[in-house]
C-alpha atoms as a PDB file:
ATOM      1  CA  MET A   1     -27.597 -16.074  -2.003  1.00  0.00           C
ATOM      2  CA  SER A   2     -27.175 -14.265   1.625  1.00  0.00           C
ATOM      3  CA  ASP A   3     -25.337 -11.781   3.562  1.00  0.00           C
ATOM      4  CA  LYS A   4     -23.467 -13.932   5.184  1.00  0.00           C
ATOM      5  CA  SER A   5     -21.887 -15.913   2.639  1.00  0.00           C
ATOM      6  CA  LEU A   6     -20.951 -13.909   1.025  1.00  0.00           C
ATOM      7  CA  TYR A   7     -18.435 -12.376   3.598  1.00  0.00           C
ATOM      8  CA  LEU A   8     -17.830 -15.929   4.147  1.00  0.00           C
ATOM      9  CA  TRP A   9     -16.614 -15.881   0.634  1.00  0.00           C
ATOM     10  CA  VAL A  10     -14.701 -12.653   0.479  1.00  0.00           C
ATOM     11  CA  ARG A  11     -13.042 -13.278   3.751  1.00  0.00           C
ATOM     12  CA  LEU A  12     -11.703 -16.858   3.105  1.00  0.00           C
ATOM     13  CA  ALA A  13     -10.913 -15.195  -0.283  1.00  0.00           C
ATOM     14  CA  LYS A  14      -8.140 -12.443   1.769  1.00  0.00           C
ATOM     15  CA  ASP A  15      -7.845 -15.698   3.464  1.00  0.00           C
ATOM     16  CA  ARG A  16      -6.225 -17.612   0.363  1.00  0.00           C
ATOM     17  CA  VAL A  17      -2.397 -19.238   0.276  1.00  0.00           C
ATOM     18  CA  GLY A  18      -2.122 -18.861  -3.382  1.00  0.00           C
ATOM     19  CA  PRO A  19       0.572 -16.853  -5.156  1.00  0.00           C
ATOM     20  CA  GLY A  20       2.068 -13.829  -4.225  1.00  0.00           C
ATOM     21  CA  SER A  21       0.735 -14.440  -0.820  1.00  0.00           C
ATOM     22  CA  GLY A  22       4.583 -13.877   0.343  1.00  0.00           C
ATOM     23  CA  GLU A  23       5.519 -10.969  -1.494  1.00  0.00           C
ATOM     24  CA  THR A  24       1.780  -9.837   1.005  1.00  0.00           C
ATOM     25  CA  ALA A  25       3.728 -10.729   4.051  1.00  0.00           C
ATOM     26  CA  GLN A  26       7.487  -9.732   3.016  1.00  0.00           C
ATOM     27  CA  LEU A  27       5.625  -5.940   2.122  1.00  0.00           C
ATOM     28  CA  LYS A  28       3.671  -6.635   5.733  1.00  0.00           C
ATOM     29  CA  ALA A  29       6.776  -7.333   7.662  1.00  0.00           C
ATOM     30  CA  GLU A  30       8.225  -3.967   5.818  1.00  0.00           C
ATOM     31  CA  VAL A  31       5.460  -1.787   6.628  1.00  0.00           C
ATOM     32  CA  SER A  32       5.572  -2.464  10.166  1.00  0.00           C
ATOM     33  CA  ARG A  33       9.415  -2.138  10.232  1.00  0.00           C
ATOM     34  CA  LEU A  34       9.107   0.940   8.909  1.00  0.00           C
ATOM     35  CA  LYS A  35       6.132   2.207  11.172  1.00  0.00           C
ATOM     36  CA  ALA A  36       9.194   1.137  14.219  1.00  0.00           C
ATOM     37  CA  ASP A  37      11.513   3.401  12.827  1.00  0.00           C
ATOM     38  CA  LEU A  38       8.792   6.034  11.873  1.00  0.00           C
ATOM     39  CA  LYS A  39       8.584   5.880  15.863  1.00  0.00           C
ATOM     40  CA  ARG A  40      11.562   6.323  17.259  1.00  0.00           C
ATOM     41  CA  ALA A  41      12.878   9.111  14.575  1.00  0.00           C
ATOM     42  CA  ASN A  42      10.063  10.660  16.089  1.00  0.00           C
ATOM     43  CA  GLU A  43      10.500  10.363  19.400  1.00  0.00           C
ATOM     44  CA  GLU A  44      14.152  10.352  18.735  1.00  0.00           C
ATOM     45  CA  ARG A  45      13.367  14.159  17.584  1.00  0.00           C
ATOM     46  CA  ASP A  46      10.820  15.012  20.151  1.00  0.00           C
ATOM     47  CA  ILE A  47      13.742  14.603  22.667  1.00  0.00           C
ATOM     48  CA  LEU A  48      15.898  17.017  20.438  1.00  0.00           C
ATOM     49  CA  LYS A  49      14.022  19.227  21.081  1.00  0.00           C
ATOM     50  CA  LYS A  50      13.351  19.362  24.510  1.00  0.00           C
ATOM     51  CA  ALA A  51      17.596  19.427  24.604  1.00  0.00           C
ATOM     52  CA  ALA A  52      17.509  22.354  22.607  1.00  0.00           C
ATOM     53  CA  THR A  53      14.960  24.202  24.387  1.00  0.00           C
ATOM     54  CA  TYR A  54      16.818  23.640  27.331  1.00  0.00           C
ATOM     55  CA  PHE A  55      20.427  24.423  26.265  1.00  0.00           C
ATOM     56  CA  ALA A  56      18.946  27.152  24.677  1.00  0.00           C
ATOM     57  CA  LYS A  57      16.944  28.493  27.829  1.00  0.00           C
ATOM     58  CA  LEU A  58      19.795  27.806  29.506  1.00  0.00           C
ATOM     59  CA  SER A  59      22.802  30.054  27.487  1.00  0.00           C
ATOM     60  CA  GLY A  60      20.034  33.273  27.676  1.00  0.00           C
END
């Protein structure tokens, strides 16, 4: 058996549509959505940190 055959079989097994593949797609979509939410929350946090620093300098 060649390495190429083994890699082809593994790739085909991963791509195979079967039971549970819908769950996998849903989980991937949820992970993607959660990553986007986390990125937005981190950006908002950074903006609020900068604003707090700016206003702290102004007040005192």
